[in-house]
Amino acid sequence: LEWEGQEQFNKQDDLDIKNSSGKSVAKVRSVTLDNGGQFTFMQIKEAGHMVPMDQPAVALRMLNGFLDNKLPTHHLSPPEHISHAASEQYAASEQYVFVDDQPLEIDIVL
């Protein structure tokens, strides 16, 4: 796919994303264009096309990082630690996170 930031994006290195115990859970590559546009590509490890089902804590972290505009871009360092109570709770317990006694459901449509 040809696009304005293709060459710049291809030159970027993948950045490693780790969970609270230091395990690598994802890789991310991102670029910010001169016009302010951004493109971020994230590869979630040990997940298929249903990332929220396969890796719910990582999916939540990705979504929160996107909503908080804290995903790394080519000119910004990645955040040292993204802390959200639900994702930390999941990482510690290795169980699904429940909010108000309801299963956490995340649908990401791109």
PDB file of N, CA and C in Angstrom:
ATOM      1  N   LEU A   1       0.842  -1.174   0.000  1.00  0.00           N
ATOM      2  CA  LEU A   1       0.000   0.000   0.000  1.00  0.00           C
ATOM      3  C   LEU A   1       0.886   1.235   0.000  1.00  0.00           C
ATOM      4  N   GLU A   2       0.762   2.042  -1.019  1.00  0.00           N
ATOM      5  CA  GLU A   2       1.553   3.264  -1.095  1.00  0.00           C
ATOM      6  C   GLU A   2       0.818   4.381  -0.360  1.00  0.00           C
ATOM      7  N   TRP A   3       1.571   5.128   0.450  1.00  0.00           N
ATOM      8  CA  TRP A   3       0.997   6.257   1.172  1.00  0.00           C
ATOM      9  C   TRP A   3       2.113   7.208   1.564  1.00  0.00           C
ATOM     10  N   GLU A   4       1.750   8.392   1.978  1.00  0.00           N
ATOM     11  CA  GLU A   4       2.690   9.478   2.232  1.00  0.00           C
ATOM     12  C   GLU A   4       3.796   9.113   3.222  1.00  0.00           C
ATOM     13  N   GLY A   5       3.492   8.354   4.253  1.00  0.00           N
ATOM     14  CA  GLY A   5       4.479   8.049   5.290  1.00  0.00           C
ATOM     15  C   GLY A   5       5.136   6.689   5.163  1.00  0.00           C
ATOM     16  N   GLN A   6       4.951   6.008   4.045  1.00  0.00           N
ATOM     17  CA  GLN A   6       5.438   4.640   3.879  1.00  0.00           C
ATOM     18  C   GLN A   6       6.938   4.523   4.104  1.00  0.00           C
ATOM     19  N   GLU A   7       7.718   5.363   3.462  1.00  0.00           N
ATOM     20  CA  GLU A   7       9.175   5.277   3.582  1.00  0.00           C
ATOM     21  C   GLU A   7       9.625   5.548   5.022  1.00  0.00           C
ATOM     22  N   GLN A   8       9.069   6.568   5.618  1.00  0.00           N
ATOM     23  CA  GLN A   8       9.418   6.912   6.997  1.00  0.00           C
ATOM     24  C   GLN A   8       9.020   5.785   7.956  1.00  0.00           C
ATOM     25  N   PHE A   9       7.826   5.201   7.762  1.00  0.00           N
ATOM     26  CA  PHE A   9       7.351   4.106   8.607  1.00  0.00           C
ATOM     27  C   PHE A   9       8.266   2.893   8.486  1.00  0.00           C
ATOM     28  N   ASN A  10       8.672   2.552   7.267  1.00  0.00           N
ATOM     29  CA  ASN A  10       9.523   1.384   7.051  1.00  0.00           C
ATOM     30  C   ASN A  10      10.899   1.532   7.691  1.00  0.00           C
ATOM     31  N   LYS A  11      11.356   2.761   7.896  1.00  0.00           N
ATOM     32  CA  LYS A  11      12.658   3.000   8.522  1.00  0.00           C
ATOM     33  C   LYS A  11      12.622   2.858  10.046  1.00  0.00           C
ATOM     34  N   GLN A  12      11.431   2.885  10.631  1.00  0.00           N
ATOM     35  CA  GLN A  12      11.317   2.831  12.088  1.00  0.00           C
ATOM     36  C   GLN A  12      11.580   1.416  12.603  1.00  0.00           C
ATOM     37  N   ASP A  13      12.135   1.344  13.802  1.00  0.00           N
ATOM     38  CA  ASP A  13      12.323   0.059  14.472  1.00  0.00           C
ATOM     39  C   ASP A  13      11.074  -0.285  15.269  1.00  0.00           C
ATOM     40  N   ASP A  14      10.832  -1.585  15.434  1.00  0.00           N
ATOM     41  CA  ASP A  14       9.759  -2.023  16.318  1.00  0.00           C
ATOM     42  C   ASP A  14      10.195  -1.789  17.758  1.00  0.00           C
ATOM     43  N   LEU A  15       9.288  -1.263  18.572  1.00  0.00           N
ATOM     44  CA  LEU A  15       9.554  -1.086  19.996  1.00  0.00           C
ATOM     45  C   LEU A  15       8.873  -2.206  20.762  1.00  0.00           C
ATOM     46  N   ASP A  16       9.542  -2.731  21.758  1.00  0.00           N
ATOM     47  CA  ASP A  16       9.030  -3.826  22.559  1.00  0.00           C
ATOM     48  C   ASP A  16       8.139  -3.277  23.668  1.00  0.00           C
ATOM     49  N   ILE A  17       6.965  -3.863  23.853  1.00  0.00           N
ATOM     50  CA  ILE A  17       6.058  -3.502  24.937  1.00  0.00           C
ATOM     51  C   ILE A  17       6.068  -4.663  25.923  1.00  0.00           C
ATOM     52  N   LYS A  18       6.301  -4.361  27.191  1.00  0.00           N
ATOM     53  CA  LYS A  18       6.386  -5.405  28.218  1.00  0.00           C
ATOM     54  C   LYS A  18       5.294  -5.216  29.260  1.00  0.00           C
ATOM     55  N   ASN A  19       4.885  -6.337  29.863  1.00  0.00           N
ATOM     56  CA  ASN A  19       3.910  -6.244  30.943  1.00  0.00           C
ATOM     57  C   ASN A  19       4.625  -5.918  32.256  1.00  0.00           C
ATOM     58  N   SER A  20       3.879  -5.874  33.350  1.00  0.00           N
ATOM     59  CA  SER A  20       4.449  -5.459  34.634  1.00  0.00           C
ATOM     60  C   SER A  20       5.504  -6.427  35.158  1.00  0.00           C
ATOM     61  N   SER A  21       5.510  -7.670  34.679  1.00  0.00           N
ATOM     62  CA  SER A  21       6.526  -8.624  35.127  1.00  0.00           C
ATOM     63  C   SER A  21       7.733  -8.659  34.184  1.00  0.00           C
ATOM     64  N   GLY A  22       7.731  -7.803  33.159  1.00  0.00           N
ATOM     65  CA  GLY A  22       8.870  -7.712  32.253  1.00  0.00           C
ATOM     66  C   GLY A  22       8.796  -8.604  31.030  1.00  0.00           C
ATOM     67  N   LYS A  23       7.700  -9.346  30.864  1.00  0.00           N
ATOM     68  CA  LYS A  23       7.543 -10.226  29.705  1.00  0.00           C
ATOM     69  C   LYS A  23       7.122  -9.404  28.485  1.00  0.00           C
ATOM     70  N   SER A  24       7.758  -9.663  27.349  1.00  0.00           N
ATOM     71  CA  SER A  24       7.400  -8.986  26.106  1.00  0.00           C
ATOM     72  C   SER A  24       6.031  -9.474  25.641  1.00  0.00           C
ATOM     73  N   VAL A  25       5.077  -8.553  25.486  1.00  0.00           N
ATOM     74  CA  VAL A  25       3.716  -8.921  25.100  1.00  0.00           C
ATOM     75  C   VAL A  25       3.307  -8.366  23.738  1.00  0.00           C
ATOM     76  N   ALA A  26       4.083  -7.403  23.217  1.00  0.00           N
ATOM     77  CA  ALA A  26       3.719  -6.796  21.936  1.00  0.00           C
ATOM     78  C   ALA A  26       4.911  -6.051  21.351  1.00  0.00           C
ATOM     79  N   LYS A  27       4.786  -5.763  20.062  1.00  0.00           N
ATOM     80  CA  LYS A  27       5.730  -4.890  19.365  1.00  0.00           C
ATOM     81  C   LYS A  27       4.901  -3.793  18.717  1.00  0.00           C
ATOM     82  N   VAL A  28       5.466  -2.593  18.691  1.00  0.00           N
ATOM     83  CA  VAL A  28       4.745  -1.475  18.096  1.00  0.00           C
ATOM     84  C   VAL A  28       5.696  -0.666  17.219  1.00  0.00           C
ATOM     85  N   ARG A  29       5.179  -0.217  16.093  1.00  0.00           N
ATOM     86  CA  ARG A  29       5.926   0.654  15.181  1.00  0.00           C
ATOM     87  C   ARG A  29       4.984   1.803  14.833  1.00  0.00           C
ATOM     88  N   SER A  30       5.518   3.004  14.891  1.00  0.00           N
ATOM     89  CA  SER A  30       4.659   4.160  14.697  1.00  0.00           C
ATOM     90  C   SER A  30       5.394   5.271  13.974  1.00  0.00           C
ATOM     91  N   VAL A  31       4.628   6.113  13.315  1.00  0.00           N
ATOM     92  CA  VAL A  31       5.199   7.266  12.626  1.00  0.00           C
ATOM     93  C   VAL A  31       4.224   8.434  12.757  1.00  0.00           C
ATOM     94  N   THR A  32       4.790   9.624  12.914  1.00  0.00           N
ATOM     95  CA  THR A  32       4.005  10.856  12.899  1.00  0.00           C
ATOM     96  C   THR A  32       4.455  11.667  11.689  1.00  0.00           C
ATOM     97  N   LEU A  33       3.519  12.045  10.865  1.00  0.00           N
ATOM     98  CA  LEU A  33       3.827  12.790   9.645  1.00  0.00           C
ATOM     99  C   LEU A  33       3.937  14.285   9.933  1.00  0.00           C
ATOM    100  N   ASP A  34       4.548  15.003   9.018  1.00  0.00           N
ATOM    101  CA  ASP A  34       4.703  16.451   9.168  1.00  0.00           C
ATOM    102  C   ASP A  34       3.361  17.165   9.291  1.00  0.00           C
ATOM    103  N   ASN A  35       2.318  16.602   8.690  1.00  0.00           N
ATOM    104  CA  ASN A  35       0.996  17.229   8.760  1.00  0.00           C
ATOM    105  C   ASN A  35       0.251  16.877  10.046  1.00  0.00           C
ATOM    106  N   GLY A  36       0.906  16.133  10.956  1.00  0.00           N
ATOM    107  CA  GLY A  36       0.297  15.770  12.231  1.00  0.00           C
ATOM    108  C   GLY A  36      -0.380  14.417  12.231  1.00  0.00           C
ATOM    109  N   GLY A  37      -0.552  13.811  11.072  1.00  0.00           N
ATOM    110  CA  GLY A  37      -1.160  12.491  11.008  1.00  0.00           C
ATOM    111  C   GLY A  37      -0.257  11.438  11.633  1.00  0.00           C
ATOM    112  N   GLN A  38      -0.867  10.437  12.231  1.00  0.00           N
ATOM    113  CA  GLN A  38      -0.097   9.365  12.864  1.00  0.00           C
ATOM    114  C   GLN A  38      -0.588   8.019  12.356  1.00  0.00           C
ATOM    115  N   PHE A  39       0.331   7.070  12.298  1.00  0.00           N
ATOM    116  CA  PHE A  39      -0.013   5.690  11.982  1.00  0.00           C
ATOM    117  C   PHE A  39       0.765   4.803  12.936  1.00  0.00           C
ATOM    118  N   THR A  40       0.059   3.935  13.633  1.00  0.00           N
ATOM    119  CA  THR A  40       0.683   3.022  14.588  1.00  0.00           C
ATOM    120  C   THR A  40       0.245   1.607  14.260  1.00  0.00           C
ATOM    121  N   PHE A  41       1.202   0.698  14.212  1.00  0.00           N
ATOM    122  CA  PHE A  41       0.942  -0.719  13.959  1.00  0.00           C
ATOM    123  C   PHE A  41       1.442  -1.503  15.157  1.00  0.00           C
ATOM    124  N   MET A  42       0.554  -2.278  15.781  1.00  0.00           N
ATOM    125  CA  MET A  42       0.927  -3.051  16.961  1.00  0.00           C
ATOM    126  C   MET A  42       0.701  -4.531  16.693  1.00  0.00           C
ATOM    127  N   GLN A  43       1.695  -5.343  17.033  1.00  0.00           N
ATOM    128  CA  GLN A  43       1.599  -6.797  16.931  1.00  0.00           C
ATOM    129  C   GLN A  43       1.486  -7.348  18.348  1.00  0.00           C
ATOM    130  N   ILE A  44       0.379  -7.993  18.658  1.00  0.00           N
ATOM    131  CA  ILE A  44       0.150  -8.565  19.982  1.00  0.00           C
ATOM    132  C   ILE A  44       0.584 -10.024  19.942  1.00  0.00           C
ATOM    133  N   LYS A  45       1.484 -10.391  20.834  1.00  0.00           N
ATOM    134  CA  LYS A  45       1.991 -11.767  20.866  1.00  0.00           C
ATOM    135  C   LYS A  45       0.948 -12.703  21.472  1.00  0.00           C
ATOM    136  N   GLU A  46       0.964 -13.939  21.000  1.00  0.00           N
ATOM    137  CA  GLU A  46       0.087 -15.003  21.488  1.00  0.00           C
ATOM    138  C   GLU A  46      -1.390 -14.626  21.365  1.00  0.00           C
ATOM    139  N   ALA A  47      -1.728 -13.954  20.262  1.00  0.00           N
ATOM    140  CA  ALA A  47      -3.121 -13.572  20.024  1.00  0.00           C
ATOM    141  C   ALA A  47      -3.448 -13.747  18.550  1.00  0.00           C
ATOM    142  N   GLY A  48      -4.665 -14.137  18.295  1.00  0.00           N
ATOM    143  CA  GLY A  48      -5.159 -14.216  16.928  1.00  0.00           C
ATOM    144  C   GLY A  48      -5.921 -12.950  16.597  1.00  0.00           C
ATOM    145  N   HIS A  49      -6.933 -13.082  15.741  1.00  0.00           N
ATOM    146  CA  HIS A  49      -7.697 -11.900  15.338  1.00  0.00           C
ATOM    147  C   HIS A  49      -8.645 -11.419  16.432  1.00  0.00           C
ATOM    148  N   MET A  50      -8.837 -12.200  17.476  1.00  0.00           N
ATOM    149  CA  MET A  50      -9.684 -11.797  18.611  1.00  0.00           C
ATOM    150  C   MET A  50      -8.792 -11.430  19.793  1.00  0.00           C
ATOM    151  N   VAL A  51      -8.017 -10.381  19.644  1.00  0.00           N
ATOM    152  CA  VAL A  51      -7.064  -9.963  20.677  1.00  0.00           C
ATOM    153  C   VAL A  51      -7.732  -9.808  22.040  1.00  0.00           C
ATOM    154  N   PRO A  52      -8.911  -9.164  22.158  1.00  0.00           N
ATOM    155  CA  PRO A  52      -9.513  -9.021  23.486  1.00  0.00           C
ATOM    156  C   PRO A  52      -9.835 -10.358  24.158  1.00  0.00           C
ATOM    157  N   MET A  53     -10.073 -11.384  23.356  1.00  0.00           N
ATOM    158  CA  MET A  53     -10.349 -12.696  23.929  1.00  0.00           C
ATOM    159  C   MET A  53      -9.043 -13.425  24.269  1.00  0.00           C
ATOM    160  N   ASP A  54      -8.052 -13.322  23.390  1.00  0.00           N
ATOM    161  CA  ASP A  54      -6.792 -14.037  23.576  1.00  0.00           C
ATOM    162  C   ASP A  54      -5.865 -13.357  24.577  1.00  0.00           C
ATOM    163  N   GLN A  55      -5.837 -12.045  24.576  1.00  0.00           N
ATOM    164  CA  GLN A  55      -4.933 -11.267  25.440  1.00  0.00           C
ATOM    165  C   GLN A  55      -5.689 -10.057  25.999  1.00  0.00           C
ATOM    166  N   PRO A  56      -6.647 -10.275  26.910  1.00  0.00           N
ATOM    167  CA  PRO A  56      -7.488  -9.159  27.371  1.00  0.00           C
ATOM    168  C   PRO A  56      -6.716  -8.031  28.054  1.00  0.00           C
ATOM    169  N   ALA A  57      -5.708  -8.346  28.843  1.00  0.00           N
ATOM    170  CA  ALA A  57      -4.953  -7.285  29.530  1.00  0.00           C
ATOM    171  C   ALA A  57      -4.177  -6.438  28.536  1.00  0.00           C
ATOM    172  N   VAL A  58      -3.589  -7.083  27.535  1.00  0.00           N
ATOM    173  CA  VAL A  58      -2.824  -6.352  26.521  1.00  0.00           C
ATOM    174  C   VAL A  58      -3.777  -5.519  25.663  1.00  0.00           C
ATOM    175  N   ALA A  59      -4.942  -6.077  25.339  1.00  0.00           N
ATOM    176  CA  ALA A  59      -5.935  -5.332  24.559  1.00  0.00           C
ATOM    177  C   ALA A  59      -6.386  -4.085  25.311  1.00  0.00           C
ATOM    178  N   LEU A  60      -6.617  -4.227  26.599  1.00  0.00           N
ATOM    179  CA  LEU A  60      -7.028  -3.082  27.407  1.00  0.00           C
ATOM    180  C   LEU A  60      -5.925  -2.038  27.466  1.00  0.00           C
ATOM    181  N   ARG A  61      -4.709  -2.494  27.619  1.00  0.00           N
ATOM    182  CA  ARG A  61      -3.566  -1.571  27.657  1.00  0.00           C
ATOM    183  C   ARG A  61      -3.433  -0.828  26.326  1.00  0.00           C
ATOM    184  N   MET A  62      -3.625  -1.554  25.213  1.00  0.00           N
ATOM    185  CA  MET A  62      -3.557  -0.936  23.896  1.00  0.00           C
ATOM    186  C   MET A  62      -4.659   0.111  23.746  1.00  0.00           C
ATOM    187  N   LEU A  63      -5.868  -0.238  24.121  1.00  0.00           N
ATOM    188  CA  LEU A  63      -6.994   0.681  23.998  1.00  0.00           C
ATOM    189  C   LEU A  63      -6.790   1.915  24.876  1.00  0.00           C
ATOM    190  N   ASN A  64      -6.378   1.715  26.122  1.00  0.00           N
ATOM    191  CA  ASN A  64      -6.136   2.848  27.018  1.00  0.00           C
ATOM    192  C   ASN A  64      -4.993   3.717  26.509  1.00  0.00           C
ATOM    193  N   GLY A  65      -3.951   3.101  25.980  1.00  0.00           N
ATOM    194  CA  GLY A  65      -2.840   3.860  25.412  1.00  0.00           C
ATOM    195  C   GLY A  65      -3.284   4.704  24.235  1.00  0.00           C
ATOM    196  N   PHE A  66      -4.169   4.147  23.411  1.00  0.00           N
ATOM    197  CA  PHE A  66      -4.704   4.894  22.274  1.00  0.00           C
ATOM    198  C   PHE A  66      -5.576   6.050  22.750  1.00  0.00           C
ATOM    199  N   LEU A  67      -6.492   5.768  23.684  1.00  0.00           N
ATOM    200  CA  LEU A  67      -7.399   6.807  24.175  1.00  0.00           C
ATOM    201  C   LEU A  67      -6.662   7.918  24.915  1.00  0.00           C
ATOM    202  N   ASP A  68      -5.599   7.559  25.635  1.00  0.00           N
ATOM    203  CA  ASP A  68      -4.805   8.542  26.388  1.00  0.00           C
ATOM    204  C   ASP A  68      -3.719   9.191  25.533  1.00  0.00           C
ATOM    205  N   ASN A  69      -3.638   8.823  24.249  1.00  0.00           N
ATOM    206  CA  ASN A  69      -2.601   9.295  23.330  1.00  0.00           C
ATOM    207  C   ASN A  69      -1.205   9.042  23.901  1.00  0.00           C
ATOM    208  N   LYS A  70      -0.993   7.835  24.429  1.00  0.00           N
ATOM    209  CA  LYS A  70       0.297   7.479  25.011  1.00  0.00           C
ATOM    210  C   LYS A  70       0.991   6.354  24.258  1.00  0.00           C
ATOM    211  N   LEU A  71       0.509   6.028  23.070  1.00  0.00           N
ATOM    212  CA  LEU A  71       1.242   5.064  22.260  1.00  0.00           C
ATOM    213  C   LEU A  71       2.473   5.772  21.710  1.00  0.00           C
ATOM    214  N   PRO A  72       3.600   5.075  21.620  1.00  0.00           N
ATOM    215  CA  PRO A  72       4.822   5.736  21.160  1.00  0.00           C
ATOM    216  C   PRO A  72       4.735   6.137  19.688  1.00  0.00           C
ATOM    217  N   THR A  73       5.308   7.271  19.380  1.00  0.00           N
ATOM    218  CA  THR A  73       5.440   7.701  17.996  1.00  0.00           C
ATOM    219  C   THR A  73       6.921   7.811  17.695  1.00  0.00           C
ATOM    220  N   HIS A  74       7.272   8.061  16.449  1.00  0.00           N
ATOM    221  CA  HIS A  74       8.690   8.029  16.072  1.00  0.00           C
ATOM    222  C   HIS A  74       9.501   9.109  16.761  1.00  0.00           C
ATOM    223  N   HIS A  75       8.897  10.190  17.188  1.00  0.00           N
ATOM    224  CA  HIS A  75       9.663  11.267  17.810  1.00  0.00           C
ATOM    225  C   HIS A  75       9.472  11.344  19.324  1.00  0.00           C
ATOM    226  N   LEU A  76       8.698  10.458  19.878  1.00  0.00           N
ATOM    227  CA  LEU A  76       8.496  10.420  21.325  1.00  0.00           C
ATOM    228  C   LEU A  76       8.986   9.092  21.873  1.00  0.00           C
ATOM    229  N   SER A  77       9.533   9.101  23.063  1.00  0.00           N
ATOM    230  CA  SER A  77       9.928   7.852  23.708  1.00  0.00           C
ATOM    231  C   SER A  77       8.672   7.125  24.156  1.00  0.00           C
ATOM    232  N   PRO A  78       8.702   5.787  24.162  1.00  0.00           N
ATOM    233  CA  PRO A  78       7.542   5.066  24.660  1.00  0.00           C
ATOM    234  C   PRO A  78       7.360   5.353  26.144  1.00  0.00           C
ATOM    235  N   PRO A  79       6.122   5.328  26.630  1.00  0.00           N
ATOM    236  CA  PRO A  79       5.910   5.567  28.053  1.00  0.00           C
ATOM    237  C   PRO A  79       6.619   4.500  28.871  1.00  0.00           C
ATOM    238  N   GLU A  80       7.167   4.905  30.007  1.00  0.00           N
ATOM    239  CA  GLU A  80       7.863   3.939  30.856  1.00  0.00           C
ATOM    240  C   GLU A  80       6.894   2.896  31.388  1.00  0.00           C
ATOM    241  N   HIS A  81       5.689   3.335  31.729  1.00  0.00           N
ATOM    242  CA  HIS A  81       4.722   2.404  32.298  1.00  0.00           C
ATOM    243  C   HIS A  81       3.327   2.968  32.084  1.00  0.00           C
ATOM    244  N   ILE A  82       2.460   2.186  31.498  1.00  0.00           N
ATOM    245  CA  ILE A  82       1.063   2.585  31.373  1.00  0.00           C
ATOM    246  C   ILE A  82       0.322   1.882  32.494  1.00  0.00           C
ATOM    247  N   SER A  83      -0.223   2.648  33.404  1.00  0.00           N
ATOM    248  CA  SER A  83      -0.866   2.059  34.571  1.00  0.00           C
ATOM    249  C   SER A  83      -2.361   2.314  34.544  1.00  0.00           C
ATOM    250  N   HIS A  84      -3.104   1.259  34.421  1.00  0.00           N
ATOM    251  CA  HIS A  84      -4.554   1.301  34.537  1.00  0.00           C
ATOM    252  C   HIS A  84      -4.931   0.175  35.484  1.00  0.00           C
ATOM    253  N   ALA A  85      -5.773   0.480  36.436  1.00  0.00           N
ATOM    254  CA  ALA A  85      -6.105  -0.476  37.492  1.00  0.00           C
ATOM    255  C   ALA A  85      -6.556  -1.821  36.938  1.00  0.00           C
ATOM    256  N   ALA A  86      -7.413  -1.809  35.938  1.00  0.00           N
ATOM    257  CA  ALA A  86      -7.947  -3.070  35.425  1.00  0.00           C
ATOM    258  C   ALA A  86      -6.862  -3.930  34.799  1.00  0.00           C
ATOM    259  N   SER A  87      -5.956  -3.336  34.023  1.00  0.00           N
ATOM    260  CA  SER A  87      -4.918  -4.136  33.378  1.00  0.00           C
ATOM    261  C   SER A  87      -3.922  -4.658  34.397  1.00  0.00           C
ATOM    262  N   GLU A  88      -3.609  -3.859  35.415  1.00  0.00           N
ATOM    263  CA  GLU A  88      -2.697  -4.325  36.456  1.00  0.00           C
ATOM    264  C   GLU A  88      -3.344  -5.452  37.261  1.00  0.00           C
ATOM    265  N   GLN A  89      -4.645  -5.326  37.523  1.00  0.00           N
ATOM    266  CA  GLN A  89      -5.349  -6.368  38.260  1.00  0.00           C
ATOM    267  C   GLN A  89      -5.300  -7.679  37.479  1.00  0.00           C
ATOM    268  N   TYR A  90      -5.525  -7.599  36.163  1.00  0.00           N
ATOM    269  CA  TYR A  90      -5.496  -8.804  35.344  1.00  0.00           C
ATOM    270  C   TYR A  90      -4.104  -9.418  35.341  1.00  0.00           C
ATOM    271  N   ALA A  91      -3.089  -8.582  35.172  1.00  0.00           N
ATOM    272  CA  ALA A  91      -1.721  -9.089  35.107  1.00  0.00           C
ATOM    273  C   ALA A  91      -1.344  -9.790  36.400  1.00  0.00           C
ATOM    274  N   ALA A  92      -1.835  -9.285  37.515  1.00  0.00           N
ATOM    275  CA  ALA A  92      -1.497  -9.879  38.806  1.00  0.00           C
ATOM    276  C   ALA A  92      -2.266 -11.169  39.054  1.00  0.00           C
ATOM    277  N   SER A  93      -3.516 -11.225  38.614  1.00  0.00           N
ATOM    278  CA  SER A  93      -4.348 -12.374  38.959  1.00  0.00           C
ATOM    279  C   SER A  93      -4.414 -13.424  37.854  1.00  0.00           C
ATOM    280  N   GLU A  94      -4.048 -13.046  36.614  1.00  0.00           N
ATOM    281  CA  GLU A  94      -4.162 -13.939  35.459  1.00  0.00           C
ATOM    282  C   GLU A  94      -5.598 -14.449  35.286  1.00  0.00           C
ATOM    283  N   GLN A  95      -6.568 -13.622  35.652  1.00  0.00           N
ATOM    284  CA  GLN A  95      -7.972 -13.949  35.458  1.00  0.00           C
ATOM    285  C   GLN A  95      -8.624 -12.805  34.708  1.00  0.00           C
ATOM    286  N   TYR A  96      -9.803 -13.072  34.160  1.00  0.00           N
ATOM    287  CA  TYR A  96     -10.517 -11.993  33.484  1.00  0.00           C
ATOM    288  C   TYR A  96     -10.902 -10.920  34.485  1.00  0.00           C
ATOM    289  N   VAL A  97     -10.895  -9.693  34.028  1.00  0.00           N
ATOM    290  CA  VAL A  97     -11.268  -8.561  34.861  1.00  0.00           C
ATOM    291  C   VAL A  97     -12.771  -8.366  34.750  1.00  0.00           C
ATOM    292  N   PHE A  98     -13.412  -8.165  35.865  1.00  0.00           N
ATOM    293  CA  PHE A  98     -14.837  -7.896  35.874  1.00  0.00           C
ATOM    294  C   PHE A  98     -15.076  -6.483  36.369  1.00  0.00           C
ATOM    295  N   VAL A  99     -15.961  -5.773  35.703  1.00  0.00           N
ATOM    296  CA  VAL A  99     -16.331  -4.421  36.084  1.00  0.00           C
ATOM    297  C   VAL A  99     -17.807  -4.453  36.446  1.00  0.00           C
ATOM    298  N   ASP A 100     -18.134  -4.058  37.658  1.00  0.00           N
ATOM    299  CA  ASP A 100     -19.523  -4.096  38.132  1.00  0.00           C
ATOM    300  C   ASP A 100     -20.123  -5.488  37.952  1.00  0.00           C
ATOM    301  N   ASP A 101     -19.331  -6.517  38.258  1.00  0.00           N
ATOM    302  CA  ASP A 101     -19.758  -7.912  38.163  1.00  0.00           C
ATOM    303  C   ASP A 101     -20.159  -8.336  36.755  1.00  0.00           C
ATOM    304  N   GLN A 102     -19.731  -7.604  35.739  1.00  0.00           N
ATOM    305  CA  GLN A 102     -20.006  -7.953  34.352  1.00  0.00           C
ATOM    306  C   GLN A 102     -18.682  -8.231  33.651  1.00  0.00           C
ATOM    307  N   PRO A 103     -18.636  -9.204  32.741  1.00  0.00           N
ATOM    308  CA  PRO A 103     -17.391  -9.453  32.001  1.00  0.00           C
ATOM    309  C   PRO A 103     -16.984  -8.219  31.208  1.00  0.00           C
ATOM    310  N   LEU A 104     -15.704  -7.989  31.141  1.00  0.00           N
ATOM    311  CA  LEU A 104     -15.165  -6.877  30.369  1.00  0.00           C
ATOM    312  C   LEU A 104     -15.210  -7.247  28.896  1.00  0.00           C
ATOM    313  N   GLU A 105     -15.907  -6.463  28.095  1.00  0.00           N
ATOM    314  CA  GLU A 105     -16.013  -6.729  26.667  1.00  0.00           C
ATOM    315  C   GLU A 105     -15.446  -5.543  25.905  1.00  0.00           C
ATOM    316  N   ILE A 106     -14.533  -5.825  24.997  1.00  0.00           N
ATOM    317  CA  ILE A 106     -13.924  -4.771  24.191  1.00  0.00           C
ATOM    318  C   ILE A 106     -14.029  -5.180  22.733  1.00  0.00           C
ATOM    319  N   ASP A 107     -14.654  -4.358  21.925  1.00  0.00           N
ATOM    320  CA  ASP A 107     -14.700  -4.564  20.481  1.00  0.00           C
ATOM    321  C   ASP A 107     -13.894  -3.453  19.841  1.00  0.00           C
ATOM    322  N   ILE A 108     -12.882  -3.818  19.069  1.00  0.00           N
ATOM    323  CA  ILE A 108     -12.067  -2.831  18.374  1.00  0.00           C
ATOM    324  C   ILE A 108     -12.290  -3.019  16.885  1.00  0.00           C
ATOM    325  N   VAL A 109     -12.823  -2.012  16.244  1.00  0.00           N
ATOM    326  CA  VAL A 109     -13.099  -2.072  14.817  1.00  0.00           C
ATOM    327  C   VAL A 109     -12.185  -1.083  14.128  1.00  0.00           C
ATOM    328  N   LEU A 110     -11.375  -1.581  13.203  1.00  0.00           N
ATOM    329  CA  LEU A 110     -10.457  -0.712  12.473  1.00  0.00           C
ATOM    330  C   LEU A 110     -10.904  -0.561  11.045  1.00  0.00           C
TER     331      LEU A 110
END
